[in-house]
Amino acid sequence: MTLQLNRNTTPIRMRNYGRIVQDMIAYASTLPAGQERDSLEIYIAQCMRQRNLVWNRDQEAGISRVKEDIIRMSNGKLLCDSQAFEQILMQPGSQTAGKKKKK
């Protein structure tokens, strides 16, 4: 299955995440439920947390905010309800968990 995206006419829904994240969410919402979709949801959430740190330097975006944004951007198709979702994002080795701001 190929996903047709018209990049010139599709507006960016949330500028702080960018078009790439929007396209990844659109692709993930077309996948059937399973391990591949769950893994992609986790990767998207990690990317969103990293980008949110760039835009909002004062506060780190929590997992709940990222989950809400994924649900909103996917029109309710992605729910981020896998058991590993929060566990993996909160691990010290994840992309943004436990990072401290440099002074």
N, C-alpha and C. Protein backbone atom coordinates (compact mmCIF):
# COMPACT_ATOMS: atom_id res chain seq x y z
N MET A 1 0.84 -1.17 0.00
CA MET A 1 0.00 0.00 0.00
C MET A 1 0.89 1.24 0.00
N THR A 2 0.61 2.16 -0.86
CA THR A 2 1.36 3.40 -0.92
C THR A 2 0.50 4.54 -0.38
N LEU A 3 1.12 5.41 0.33
CA LEU A 3 0.44 6.56 0.90
C LEU A 3 0.73 7.76 0.02
N GLN A 4 -0.30 8.34 -0.53
CA GLN A 4 -0.14 9.51 -1.39
C GLN A 4 -0.29 10.77 -0.55
N LEU A 5 0.76 11.56 -0.48
CA LEU A 5 0.73 12.81 0.26
C LEU A 5 0.95 13.95 -0.71
N ASN A 6 0.07 14.91 -0.67
CA ASN A 6 0.25 16.10 -1.50
C ASN A 6 0.89 17.17 -0.62
N ARG A 7 2.19 17.21 -0.64
CA ARG A 7 2.94 18.05 0.28
C ARG A 7 2.74 19.54 0.04
N ASN A 8 2.36 19.93 -1.15
CA ASN A 8 2.23 21.36 -1.43
C ASN A 8 0.90 21.93 -0.96
N THR A 9 -0.14 21.12 -0.88
CA THR A 9 -1.45 21.65 -0.52
C THR A 9 -1.90 21.26 0.88
N THR A 10 -1.28 20.26 1.49
CA THR A 10 -1.66 19.85 2.83
C THR A 10 -1.02 20.82 3.84
N PRO A 11 -1.84 21.55 4.60
CA PRO A 11 -1.26 22.48 5.58
C PRO A 11 -0.66 21.74 6.77
N ILE A 12 0.32 22.35 7.39
CA ILE A 12 0.93 21.78 8.58
C ILE A 12 0.00 22.07 9.74
N ARG A 13 -0.39 21.02 10.46
CA ARG A 13 -1.37 21.18 11.55
C ARG A 13 -0.73 21.76 12.80
N MET A 14 0.44 21.30 13.17
CA MET A 14 1.14 21.81 14.35
C MET A 14 2.57 22.14 13.93
N ARG A 15 2.84 23.41 13.81
CA ARG A 15 4.13 23.83 13.28
C ARG A 15 5.31 23.42 14.15
N ASN A 16 5.10 23.32 15.45
CA ASN A 16 6.24 22.98 16.31
C ASN A 16 6.74 21.55 16.06
N TYR A 17 5.92 20.67 15.49
CA TYR A 17 6.37 19.33 15.17
C TYR A 17 6.84 19.20 13.73
N GLY A 18 6.30 19.97 12.83
CA GLY A 18 6.75 19.96 11.45
C GLY A 18 6.03 18.96 10.57
N ARG A 19 6.31 19.06 9.29
CA ARG A 19 5.64 18.23 8.29
C ARG A 19 6.08 16.76 8.36
N ILE A 20 7.33 16.51 8.70
CA ILE A 20 7.82 15.14 8.74
C ILE A 20 7.04 14.33 9.79
N VAL A 21 6.88 14.89 10.98
CA VAL A 21 6.13 14.20 12.02
C VAL A 21 4.68 14.01 11.58
N GLN A 22 4.11 15.02 10.95
CA GLN A 22 2.74 14.91 10.44
C GLN A 22 2.63 13.79 9.41
N ASP A 23 3.60 13.67 8.54
CA ASP A 23 3.60 12.61 7.54
C ASP A 23 3.78 11.23 8.18
N MET A 24 4.64 11.15 9.21
CA MET A 24 4.82 9.87 9.90
C MET A 24 3.53 9.43 10.59
N ILE A 25 2.82 10.37 11.18
CA ILE A 25 1.55 10.05 11.83
C ILE A 25 0.52 9.61 10.80
N ALA A 26 0.50 10.27 9.65
CA ALA A 26 -0.43 9.88 8.58
C ALA A 26 -0.12 8.46 8.10
N TYR A 27 1.16 8.13 7.98
CA TYR A 27 1.54 6.79 7.55
C TYR A 27 1.19 5.75 8.62
N ALA A 28 1.49 6.06 9.87
CA ALA A 28 1.23 5.11 10.96
C ALA A 28 -0.26 4.83 11.11
N SER A 29 -1.09 5.81 10.82
CA SER A 29 -2.53 5.59 10.96
C SER A 29 -3.08 4.67 9.88
N THR A 30 -2.31 4.44 8.81
CA THR A 30 -2.76 3.52 7.77
C THR A 30 -2.35 2.08 8.04
N LEU A 31 -1.42 1.88 8.99
CA LEU A 31 -0.94 0.54 9.30
C LEU A 31 -1.95 -0.22 10.14
N PRO A 32 -2.03 -1.54 9.97
CA PRO A 32 -2.90 -2.33 10.85
C PRO A 32 -2.27 -2.41 12.24
N ALA A 33 -3.12 -2.63 13.24
CA ALA A 33 -2.64 -2.73 14.61
C ALA A 33 -1.65 -3.89 14.72
N GLY A 34 -0.56 -3.64 15.41
CA GLY A 34 0.46 -4.67 15.57
C GLY A 34 1.76 -4.08 16.07
N GLN A 35 2.79 -4.90 16.05
CA GLN A 35 4.09 -4.49 16.60
C GLN A 35 4.71 -3.36 15.79
N GLU A 36 4.58 -3.40 14.47
CA GLU A 36 5.18 -2.34 13.65
C GLU A 36 4.54 -0.99 13.94
N ARG A 37 3.23 -0.97 14.06
CA ARG A 37 2.52 0.28 14.35
C ARG A 37 2.87 0.79 15.75
N ASP A 38 2.94 -0.11 16.73
CA ASP A 38 3.30 0.30 18.09
C ASP A 38 4.72 0.87 18.13
N SER A 39 5.64 0.24 17.42
CA SER A 39 7.03 0.73 17.38
C SER A 39 7.10 2.09 16.73
N LEU A 40 6.32 2.29 15.68
CA LEU A 40 6.31 3.59 14.99
C LEU A 40 5.70 4.67 15.88
N GLU A 41 4.67 4.32 16.65
CA GLU A 41 4.08 5.28 17.58
C GLU A 41 5.12 5.74 18.62
N ILE A 42 5.90 4.80 19.12
CA ILE A 42 6.92 5.14 20.11
C ILE A 42 7.99 6.03 19.49
N TYR A 43 8.41 5.70 18.28
CA TYR A 43 9.42 6.52 17.60
C TYR A 43 8.90 7.93 17.35
N ILE A 44 7.65 8.04 16.91
CA ILE A 44 7.05 9.35 16.65
C ILE A 44 7.00 10.16 17.95
N ALA A 45 6.60 9.51 19.05
CA ALA A 45 6.52 10.21 20.33
C ALA A 45 7.90 10.71 20.77
N GLN A 46 8.94 9.91 20.55
CA GLN A 46 10.29 10.35 20.89
C GLN A 46 10.70 11.57 20.06
N CYS A 47 10.37 11.54 18.78
CA CYS A 47 10.68 12.69 17.91
C CYS A 47 9.92 13.94 18.36
N MET A 48 8.65 13.74 18.73
CA MET A 48 7.84 14.87 19.16
C MET A 48 8.35 15.47 20.46
N ARG A 49 8.77 14.64 21.39
CA ARG A 49 9.32 15.15 22.65
C ARG A 49 10.61 15.93 22.39
N GLN A 50 11.43 15.44 21.49
CA GLN A 50 12.68 16.12 21.18
C GLN A 50 12.41 17.48 20.53
N ARG A 51 11.49 17.51 19.59
CA ARG A 51 11.16 18.79 18.94
C ARG A 51 10.49 19.74 19.90
N ASN A 52 9.68 19.22 20.81
CA ASN A 52 9.02 20.08 21.78
C ASN A 52 10.03 20.73 22.71
N LEU A 53 11.11 20.03 23.02
CA LEU A 53 12.15 20.62 23.86
C LEU A 53 12.83 21.79 23.15
N VAL A 54 12.93 21.72 21.84
CA VAL A 54 13.55 22.81 21.09
C VAL A 54 12.66 24.04 21.10
N TRP A 55 11.35 23.83 20.93
CA TRP A 55 10.41 24.95 20.86
C TRP A 55 10.10 25.51 22.25
N ASN A 56 10.01 24.68 23.26
CA ASN A 56 9.63 25.11 24.60
C ASN A 56 10.79 24.80 25.54
N ARG A 57 11.73 25.68 25.63
CA ARG A 57 12.91 25.42 26.44
C ARG A 57 12.62 25.49 27.94
N ASP A 58 11.58 26.18 28.35
CA ASP A 58 11.30 26.33 29.77
C ASP A 58 10.73 25.09 30.41
N GLN A 59 9.95 24.32 29.65
CA GLN A 59 9.32 23.14 30.24
C GLN A 59 9.45 21.96 29.31
N GLU A 60 9.67 20.82 29.91
CA GLU A 60 9.75 19.59 29.13
C GLU A 60 8.35 19.05 28.92
N ALA A 61 8.05 18.69 27.70
CA ALA A 61 6.71 18.15 27.40
C ALA A 61 6.56 16.76 28.01
N GLY A 62 5.49 16.57 28.70
CA GLY A 62 5.22 15.28 29.30
C GLY A 62 4.67 14.32 28.28
N ILE A 63 4.64 13.06 28.67
CA ILE A 63 4.13 12.02 27.78
C ILE A 63 2.66 12.24 27.49
N SER A 64 1.92 12.74 28.48
CA SER A 64 0.49 12.95 28.27
C SER A 64 0.24 13.99 27.18
N ARG A 65 1.04 15.04 27.14
CA ARG A 65 0.90 16.07 26.11
C ARG A 65 1.19 15.50 24.73
N VAL A 66 2.23 14.70 24.64
CA VAL A 66 2.60 14.09 23.36
C VAL A 66 1.49 13.13 22.90
N LYS A 67 0.95 12.34 23.83
CA LYS A 67 -0.14 11.43 23.50
C LYS A 67 -1.35 12.19 22.97
N GLU A 68 -1.71 13.29 23.64
CA GLU A 68 -2.84 14.10 23.20
C GLU A 68 -2.61 14.64 21.79
N ASP A 69 -1.40 15.09 21.52
CA ASP A 69 -1.09 15.65 20.20
C ASP A 69 -1.12 14.57 19.12
N ILE A 70 -0.64 13.37 19.44
CA ILE A 70 -0.68 12.28 18.46
C ILE A 70 -2.13 11.91 18.15
N ILE A 71 -2.96 11.83 19.17
CA ILE A 71 -4.37 11.51 18.96
C ILE A 71 -5.04 12.60 18.13
N ARG A 72 -4.75 13.85 18.43
CA ARG A 72 -5.34 14.97 17.70
C ARG A 72 -4.88 14.98 16.24
N MET A 73 -3.60 14.77 16.01
CA MET A 73 -3.07 14.83 14.64
C MET A 73 -3.51 13.64 13.80
N SER A 74 -3.82 12.51 14.45
CA SER A 74 -4.25 11.32 13.69
C SER A 74 -5.77 11.21 13.62
N ASN A 75 -6.47 12.21 14.12
CA ASN A 75 -7.94 12.19 14.15
C ASN A 75 -8.47 10.98 14.89
N GLY A 76 -7.80 10.60 15.97
CA GLY A 76 -8.25 9.50 16.81
C GLY A 76 -7.89 8.11 16.32
N LYS A 77 -7.11 8.00 15.24
CA LYS A 77 -6.74 6.68 14.72
C LYS A 77 -5.61 6.04 15.51
N LEU A 78 -4.70 6.84 16.03
CA LEU A 78 -3.60 6.34 16.86
C LEU A 78 -3.91 6.69 18.31
N LEU A 79 -3.92 5.70 19.18
CA LEU A 79 -4.29 5.93 20.57
C LEU A 79 -3.13 5.81 21.53
N CYS A 80 -1.99 5.30 21.09
CA CYS A 80 -0.80 5.15 21.93
C CYS A 80 -1.13 4.39 23.21
N ASP A 81 -1.86 3.29 23.06
CA ASP A 81 -2.30 2.55 24.23
C ASP A 81 -1.56 1.23 24.42
N SER A 82 -0.44 1.07 23.74
CA SER A 82 0.34 -0.15 23.95
C SER A 82 0.97 -0.12 25.33
N GLN A 83 1.23 -1.29 25.88
CA GLN A 83 1.78 -1.38 27.23
C GLN A 83 3.18 -0.80 27.32
N ALA A 84 3.93 -0.89 26.26
CA ALA A 84 5.32 -0.46 26.29
C ALA A 84 5.48 1.04 26.04
N PHE A 85 4.43 1.72 25.63
CA PHE A 85 4.54 3.12 25.21
C PHE A 85 5.17 4.00 26.30
N GLU A 86 4.53 4.07 27.46
CA GLU A 86 5.04 4.94 28.53
C GLU A 86 6.32 4.38 29.14
N GLN A 87 6.43 3.05 29.24
CA GLN A 87 7.62 2.45 29.84
C GLN A 87 8.87 2.80 29.05
N ILE A 88 8.80 2.71 27.75
CA ILE A 88 9.97 2.98 26.92
C ILE A 88 10.32 4.46 26.92
N LEU A 89 9.31 5.33 26.89
CA LEU A 89 9.59 6.76 26.88
C LEU A 89 10.15 7.27 28.20
N MET A 90 9.87 6.59 29.28
CA MET A 90 10.36 7.03 30.58
C MET A 90 11.69 6.39 30.97
N GLN A 91 12.22 5.48 30.17
CA GLN A 91 13.51 4.86 30.47
C GLN A 91 14.62 5.89 30.37
N PRO A 92 15.63 5.80 31.22
CA PRO A 92 16.74 6.75 31.16
C PRO A 92 17.49 6.72 29.83
N GLY A 93 17.45 5.62 29.11
CA GLY A 93 18.18 5.52 27.86
C GLY A 93 17.41 6.03 26.65
N SER A 94 16.15 6.47 26.85
CA SER A 94 15.39 6.96 25.71
C SER A 94 15.94 8.29 25.24
N GLN A 95 15.50 8.75 24.09
CA GLN A 95 16.07 9.94 23.47
C GLN A 95 16.05 11.16 24.37
N THR A 96 14.91 11.43 25.02
CA THR A 96 14.81 12.68 25.76
C THR A 96 14.56 12.49 27.23
N ALA A 97 14.31 11.31 27.70
CA ALA A 97 14.05 11.10 29.12
C ALA A 97 15.30 11.35 29.92
N GLY A 98 15.18 12.15 30.95
CA GLY A 98 16.30 12.39 31.84
C GLY A 98 17.30 13.42 31.35
N LYS A 99 17.07 14.08 30.24
CA LYS A 99 17.99 15.10 29.78
C LYS A 99 17.85 16.35 30.63
N LYS A 100 18.96 16.96 30.94
CA LYS A 100 18.94 18.19 31.71
C LYS A 100 19.45 19.31 30.84
N LYS A 101 18.92 20.50 31.10
CA LYS A 101 19.35 21.66 30.34
C LYS A 101 20.76 22.06 30.73
N LYS A 102 21.55 22.47 29.76
CA LYS A 102 22.89 22.95 30.02
C LYS A 102 22.79 24.41 30.40
N LYS A 103 23.65 24.81 31.32
CA LYS A 103 23.64 26.22 31.75
C LYS A 103 24.76 26.97 31.12
